Amino acid sequence: MQKKKILILGGTGFIGRNLVLYFSKKSNFEVVTTYNKKKKFNCKNVKWLKADLTEPLDVEKVIKDIDIIIQAAATTSGSKDIVEKPMLHVTDNLIMNSLIFRKAYEKKVNHIIFFSCTVMYQSSKTGLKEDDLDLNKKMYDKYFGIGWTKVSLEKQCEFYASLGKTKFTVLRHSNIFGPYDKFDLEKSHVFGATVTKVMSCSDGEKITVWGEGKEGRDLLYIDDLINAIDLILINQLSRFSVYNVGYGKSIQIKDLVSKIVKFSGKKITIEYDTSKPSIKTNLFLDCKKIFDEIGWKRSTNFDDAVKRTIKWWKKNINIEKKN
């Protein structure tokens, strides 16, 4: 069987790295991946290409003789930047993805998977389906820039899918966590930042959580996201599809923090600072569409996923801190 050439853009990022590690072990794929500012890592059966994906010539270079593209490259950070520097998530991501989508269409790539997100959804206490998105309603103000950026890019996917033979998949995934996440207080999402706070704290000390802790989030373990991608590459029939990919339940931040503290084994206290930036929305995803069309459903128990991530942190990040 001839191997399919799969290009994983952003191979040094959280999702990208996990994808590289996963697909490099599959015998039916030839894996190519990109890096830019971060250093590449050692991984068998992988070809690395240095590229700035906001530059047309670099995009031209990497999308050569490629069958499948998984677009995991992005400018990302946590709630602090979303609140204080929202422009960071707009310009580079628009330029990068516009170039990638056009070149994928021109080069007749078979399939491209684009990671969107859930920030364009309105806050809700019930599970949100893909067609619950109402663009006539106001987005949460702190998400205006990144939300409309993602909507624009989703529409580009739909546009290019209508023009040629390239299949496009948009994944509106919830908050992803697991090994190789950004465990950084300034740039992490809520899970990575909380793990860092807890694991860096000694018994008898306290951690401070931004906001009231009442915000609800849908959090999905990285292995479940990768499983969804694997099934999409096999089972998607339509030229263009949008799928929610999430845990399907909401967990309040205060409950998340309590679980991380509990599974860390540390004896520390928690306080909440309402003066700090926080994203005061609640949502979780209805994933019936991807189950019906692709056959995917999450399989990792949330508590088990938290325990696995903390175990990985102790084995990897804690060693870095000691050194």
Protein backbone atom coordinates (compact mmCIF):
# COMPACT_ATOMS: atom_id res chain seq x y z
CA MET A 1 0.00 0.00 0.00
CA GLN A 2 1.33 3.42 -0.96
CA LYS A 3 1.83 5.71 2.01
CA LYS A 4 -0.13 8.94 2.22
CA LYS A 5 1.97 12.04 2.74
CA ILE A 6 0.57 13.94 5.71
CA LEU A 7 1.71 17.47 6.60
CA ILE A 8 1.24 18.51 10.23
CA LEU A 9 1.66 22.27 10.45
CA GLY A 10 2.88 23.54 13.81
CA GLY A 11 4.61 20.34 14.89
CA THR A 12 6.24 21.90 17.96
CA GLY A 13 2.98 23.17 19.50
CA PHE A 14 0.82 21.32 21.99
CA ILE A 15 -1.67 19.72 19.58
CA GLY A 16 0.85 19.51 16.75
CA ARG A 17 3.43 17.64 18.80
CA ASN A 18 0.91 15.07 19.93
CA LEU A 19 -0.20 14.61 16.32
CA VAL A 20 3.39 14.14 15.14
CA LEU A 21 4.06 11.52 17.80
CA TYR A 22 0.84 9.69 16.93
CA PHE A 23 1.05 9.64 13.12
CA SER A 24 4.79 8.89 13.07
CA LYS A 25 3.92 5.46 14.50
CA LYS A 26 1.37 4.64 11.80
CA SER A 27 2.85 2.65 8.92
CA ASN A 28 0.47 4.02 6.27
CA PHE A 29 1.63 7.64 6.60
CA GLU A 30 4.74 9.57 5.59
CA VAL A 31 4.88 12.43 8.06
CA VAL A 32 6.14 15.94 7.29
CA THR A 33 5.92 18.69 9.90
CA THR A 34 6.97 22.30 10.39
CA TYR A 35 8.71 24.33 13.05
CA ASN A 36 9.63 28.00 13.30
CA LYS A 37 10.53 29.71 16.59
CA LYS A 38 10.50 26.59 18.75
CA LYS A 39 13.15 23.91 18.36
CA LYS A 40 12.24 20.67 16.65
CA PHE A 41 12.37 17.47 18.70
CA ASN A 42 13.67 14.01 17.93
CA CYS A 43 11.04 11.74 16.41
CA LYS A 44 11.57 8.77 14.11
CA ASN A 45 9.94 8.65 10.67
CA VAL A 46 9.38 12.42 10.51
CA LYS A 47 10.69 15.02 8.08
CA TRP A 48 11.09 18.52 9.57
CA LEU A 49 10.78 21.74 7.56
CA LYS A 50 11.52 25.19 8.98
CA ALA A 51 8.84 27.62 7.87
CA ASP A 52 7.23 30.95 8.69
CA LEU A 53 3.66 30.23 7.60
CA THR A 54 2.85 33.92 7.23
CA GLU A 55 5.29 33.99 4.28
CA PRO A 56 3.89 32.84 0.88
CA LEU A 57 7.18 31.26 -0.27
CA ASP A 58 7.43 29.17 2.88
CA VAL A 59 3.84 27.97 2.48
CA GLU A 60 4.60 27.09 -1.14
CA LYS A 61 7.64 25.10 -0.02
CA VAL A 62 5.91 22.94 2.59
CA ILE A 63 2.73 22.14 0.61
CA LYS A 64 4.49 20.22 -2.12
CA ASP A 65 3.27 16.74 -3.06
CA ILE A 66 1.13 16.58 0.08
CA ASP A 67 -2.01 14.41 0.38
CA ILE A 68 -3.34 15.54 3.76
CA ILE A 69 -2.82 18.70 5.83
CA ILE A 70 -3.60 18.99 9.53
CA GLN A 71 -3.42 22.71 10.34
CA ALA A 72 -2.25 22.91 13.96
CA ALA A 73 -0.13 26.05 13.60
CA ALA A 74 -1.50 29.17 15.29
CA THR A 75 -0.73 32.19 17.39
CA THR A 76 -2.32 31.28 20.72
CA SER A 77 -2.20 32.25 24.39
CA GLY A 78 -4.38 32.39 27.48
CA SER A 79 -7.18 34.54 28.85
CA LYS A 80 -4.84 37.36 29.90
CA ASP A 81 -3.80 38.08 26.30
CA ILE A 82 -7.35 37.54 25.02
CA VAL A 83 -8.49 40.28 27.39
CA GLU A 84 -5.51 42.68 27.25
CA LYS A 85 -3.98 42.07 23.80
CA PRO A 86 -6.75 40.62 21.60
CA MET A 87 -5.02 41.69 18.37
CA LEU A 88 -2.39 38.97 18.90
CA HIS A 89 -4.88 36.34 17.77
CA VAL A 90 -6.11 38.11 14.65
CA THR A 91 -3.60 39.25 12.03
CA ASP A 92 -1.08 36.39 11.97
CA ASN A 93 -3.78 33.72 12.07
CA LEU A 94 -5.75 35.31 9.24
CA ILE A 95 -2.67 35.66 7.03
CA MET A 96 -1.33 32.21 7.81
CA ASN A 97 -4.53 30.28 7.19
CA SER A 98 -5.54 32.29 4.12
CA LEU A 99 -2.23 31.37 2.48
CA ILE A 100 -2.50 27.72 3.52
CA PHE A 101 -6.07 27.25 2.29
CA ARG A 102 -5.38 28.85 -1.08
CA LYS A 103 -2.23 26.82 -1.65
CA ALA A 104 -3.96 23.59 -0.59
CA TYR A 105 -6.64 24.30 -3.18
CA GLU A 106 -4.11 25.18 -5.89
CA LYS A 107 -1.99 22.08 -5.18
CA LYS A 108 -5.10 19.85 -5.12
CA VAL A 109 -4.42 18.51 -1.62
CA ASN A 110 -6.89 15.70 -0.89
CA HIS A 111 -7.96 16.75 2.60
CA ILE A 112 -7.25 19.57 5.07
CA ILE A 113 -8.30 19.68 8.70
CA PHE A 114 -8.57 23.10 10.32
CA PHE A 115 -8.78 23.66 14.06
CA SER A 116 -11.38 26.28 14.80
CA CYS A 117 -12.68 26.72 18.37
CA THR A 118 -15.80 27.48 20.38
CA VAL A 119 -15.30 31.19 21.14
CA MET A 120 -17.87 32.26 18.55
CA TYR A 121 -20.65 30.43 20.39
CA GLN A 122 -22.84 32.40 22.74
CA SER A 123 -22.76 31.43 26.41
CA SER A 124 -25.26 28.66 27.14
CA LYS A 125 -26.40 26.33 29.91
CA THR A 126 -27.34 23.61 27.41
CA GLY A 127 -25.18 21.61 25.00
CA LEU A 128 -24.52 23.55 21.79
CA LYS A 129 -24.88 21.98 18.36
CA GLU A 130 -23.02 23.21 15.29
CA ASP A 131 -26.07 24.96 13.87
CA ASP A 132 -26.82 26.69 17.18
CA LEU A 133 -24.26 29.31 16.19
CA ASP A 134 -26.20 32.49 15.45
CA LEU A 135 -23.97 35.12 13.87
CA ASN A 136 -26.73 37.70 14.24
CA LYS A 137 -26.29 37.55 17.99
CA LYS A 138 -23.50 39.40 19.74
CA MET A 139 -20.41 37.42 20.69
CA TYR A 140 -18.92 37.77 24.13
CA ASP A 141 -17.05 41.09 23.88
CA LYS A 142 -13.65 39.69 24.93
CA TYR A 143 -13.91 37.11 22.14
CA PHE A 144 -14.85 39.56 19.37
CA GLY A 145 -11.48 39.55 17.59
CA ILE A 146 -10.62 35.86 17.75
CA GLY A 147 -14.27 34.85 17.30
CA TRP A 148 -14.77 36.67 14.01
CA THR A 149 -11.30 35.58 12.89
CA LYS A 150 -12.35 31.94 13.29
CA VAL A 151 -15.70 32.54 11.56
CA SER A 152 -13.91 34.14 8.61
CA LEU A 153 -11.52 31.20 8.32
CA GLU A 154 -14.34 28.66 8.55
CA LYS A 155 -16.04 30.43 5.65
CA GLN A 156 -12.80 30.31 3.65
CA CYS A 157 -12.76 26.53 4.16
CA GLU A 158 -16.32 26.31 2.88
CA PHE A 159 -15.46 28.57 -0.07
CA TYR A 160 -12.43 26.57 -1.25
CA ALA A 161 -14.25 23.27 -0.74
CA SER A 162 -16.91 24.51 -3.17
CA LEU A 163 -14.32 25.36 -5.84
CA GLY A 164 -12.23 22.24 -6.16
CA LYS A 165 -11.69 18.67 -5.05
CA THR A 166 -9.98 19.37 -1.74
CA LYS A 167 -12.00 18.13 1.23
CA PHE A 168 -12.15 20.54 4.19
CA THR A 169 -12.96 19.73 7.81
CA VAL A 170 -13.54 22.39 10.46
CA LEU A 171 -13.19 21.18 14.04
CA ARG A 172 -14.80 23.36 16.69
CA HIS A 173 -12.97 21.74 19.55
CA SER A 174 -13.37 22.56 23.21
CA ASN A 175 -10.47 23.30 25.59
CA ILE A 176 -7.86 20.60 24.94
CA PHE A 177 -5.45 19.44 27.63
CA GLY A 178 -2.84 16.75 28.21
CA PRO A 179 0.90 16.08 27.74
CA TYR A 180 2.96 18.84 26.08
CA ASP A 181 0.34 21.49 26.88
CA LYS A 182 1.58 25.03 27.58
CA PHE A 183 2.28 24.91 31.30
CA ASP A 184 2.92 28.63 31.51
CA LEU A 185 1.13 31.16 33.69
CA GLU A 186 1.19 33.91 31.05
CA LYS A 187 0.32 31.97 27.88
CA SER A 188 -1.50 28.86 29.06
CA HIS A 189 -5.20 28.16 28.84
CA VAL A 190 -7.00 27.50 32.10
CA PHE A 191 -5.98 23.86 32.52
CA GLY A 192 -2.25 24.28 31.89
CA ALA A 193 -2.05 27.43 34.01
CA THR A 194 -3.85 25.77 36.91
CA VAL A 195 -1.65 22.68 36.84
CA THR A 196 1.42 24.92 36.88
CA LYS A 197 0.11 26.91 39.85
CA VAL A 198 -0.74 23.78 41.82
CA MET A 199 2.37 21.76 41.03
CA SER A 200 4.67 24.71 41.76
CA CYS A 201 3.09 25.20 45.17
CA SER A 202 4.33 23.63 48.42
CA ASP A 203 2.18 22.12 51.15
CA GLY A 204 0.75 24.79 53.40
CA GLU A 205 0.80 27.47 50.70
CA LYS A 206 -2.09 28.81 48.65
CA ILE A 207 -2.84 29.38 44.98
CA THR A 208 -4.78 32.27 43.50
CA VAL A 209 -7.30 31.64 40.72
CA TRP A 210 -8.38 34.49 38.46
CA GLY A 211 -12.08 35.29 38.56
CA GLU A 212 -14.86 33.80 40.67
CA GLY A 213 -14.41 30.21 39.52
CA LYS A 214 -18.04 29.93 38.40
CA GLU A 215 -17.25 29.90 34.67
CA GLY A 216 -18.13 26.61 32.95
CA ARG A 217 -15.80 24.97 30.46
CA ASP A 218 -15.87 21.89 28.22
CA LEU A 219 -12.45 20.22 28.49
CA LEU A 220 -11.28 17.35 26.28
CA TYR A 221 -8.19 15.15 26.63
CA ILE A 222 -5.78 15.30 23.70
CA ASP A 223 -6.03 11.57 22.90
CA ASP A 224 -9.75 11.94 22.22
CA LEU A 225 -9.12 14.80 19.79
CA ILE A 226 -6.53 12.76 17.91
CA ASN A 227 -8.91 9.82 17.71
CA ALA A 228 -11.51 12.13 16.14
CA ILE A 229 -9.01 13.23 13.50
CA ASP A 230 -8.07 9.65 12.71
CA LEU A 231 -11.72 8.70 12.17
CA ILE A 232 -12.45 11.82 10.10
CA LEU A 233 -9.65 10.96 7.67
CA ILE A 234 -11.31 7.59 7.13
CA ASN A 235 -15.02 8.30 7.35
CA GLN A 236 -15.80 11.86 6.21
CA LEU A 237 -17.80 11.71 3.00
CA SER A 238 -18.81 15.33 2.42
CA ARG A 239 -16.56 17.89 0.73
CA PHE A 240 -17.02 20.30 3.65
CA SER A 241 -18.02 19.55 7.24
CA VAL A 242 -18.04 21.35 10.58
CA TYR A 243 -17.88 19.19 13.69
CA ASN A 244 -18.03 19.91 17.40
CA VAL A 245 -15.45 17.89 19.30
CA GLY A 246 -15.68 18.07 23.07
CA TYR A 247 -16.30 16.24 26.31
CA GLY A 248 -20.01 17.03 26.17
CA LYS A 249 -20.26 18.27 29.74
CA SER A 250 -19.39 21.50 31.51
CA ILE A 251 -17.12 21.74 34.53
CA GLN A 252 -16.88 24.89 36.62
CA ILE A 253 -13.38 26.31 37.05
CA LYS A 254 -13.62 26.00 40.83
CA ASP A 255 -14.38 22.28 40.49
CA LEU A 256 -11.53 21.85 38.01
CA VAL A 257 -9.09 23.52 40.38
CA SER A 258 -10.28 21.33 43.25
CA LYS A 259 -9.75 18.18 41.20
CA ILE A 260 -6.23 19.20 40.19
CA VAL A 261 -5.35 19.98 43.80
CA LYS A 262 -6.82 16.66 44.95
CA PHE A 263 -5.00 14.55 42.36
CA SER A 264 -1.74 16.41 42.93
CA GLY A 265 -1.66 15.10 46.49
CA LYS A 266 -0.76 18.56 47.78
CA LYS A 267 -2.22 20.20 50.88
CA ILE A 268 -2.81 23.74 49.69
CA THR A 269 -5.62 26.28 49.88
CA ILE A 270 -7.41 28.08 47.04
CA GLU A 271 -8.42 31.73 46.84
CA TYR A 272 -10.12 33.63 44.02
CA ASP A 273 -9.07 37.08 42.75
CA THR A 274 -11.99 38.77 41.03
CA SER A 275 -9.82 41.74 40.01
CA LYS A 276 -7.88 39.60 37.51
CA PRO A 277 -8.97 39.00 33.88
CA SER A 278 -11.35 36.11 33.34
CA ILE A 279 -13.71 34.97 30.59
CA LYS A 280 -17.17 34.90 32.17
CA THR A 281 -18.92 32.49 29.83
CA ASN A 282 -20.38 29.01 30.16
CA LEU A 283 -20.70 26.41 27.46
CA PHE A 284 -20.35 22.77 26.53
CA LEU A 285 -20.70 20.97 23.22
CA ASP A 286 -23.28 18.62 21.77
CA CYS A 287 -21.23 16.16 19.68
CA LYS A 288 -24.06 14.10 18.17
CA LYS A 289 -23.20 15.13 14.59
CA ILE A 290 -19.67 13.75 14.65
CA PHE A 291 -20.92 10.56 16.29
CA ASP A 292 -23.64 10.07 13.66
CA GLU A 293 -21.46 10.87 10.64
CA ILE A 294 -17.98 9.78 11.73
CA GLY A 295 -18.55 7.36 14.60
CA TRP A 296 -16.56 9.32 17.18
CA LYS A 297 -17.29 9.79 20.86
CA ARG A 298 -14.92 10.66 23.66
CA SER A 299 -13.60 7.64 25.52
CA THR A 300 -11.34 9.08 28.23
CA ASN A 301 -12.81 9.59 31.70
CA PHE A 302 -12.18 13.17 32.84
CA ASP A 303 -10.68 12.29 36.23
CA ASP A 304 -8.39 9.73 34.60
CA ALA A 305 -7.26 12.33 32.06
CA VAL A 306 -6.44 14.82 34.82
CA LYS A 307 -4.44 12.15 36.67
CA ARG A 308 -2.53 11.20 33.50
CA THR A 309 -1.64 14.82 32.81
CA ILE A 310 -0.38 15.42 36.35
CA LYS A 311 1.66 12.21 36.15
CA TRP A 312 3.20 13.42 32.87
CA TRP A 313 3.94 16.85 34.41
CA LYS A 314 5.78 15.24 37.32
CA LYS A 315 7.86 13.13 34.96
CA ASN A 316 8.68 15.85 32.43
CA ILE A 317 8.09 19.45 33.54
CA ASN A 318 9.17 18.90 37.14
CA ILE A 319 12.50 17.53 35.89
CA GLU A 320 13.00 20.68 33.79
CA LYS A 321 12.35 22.87 36.83
CA LYS A 322 14.83 20.94 38.94
CA ASN A 323 17.50 21.23 36.26
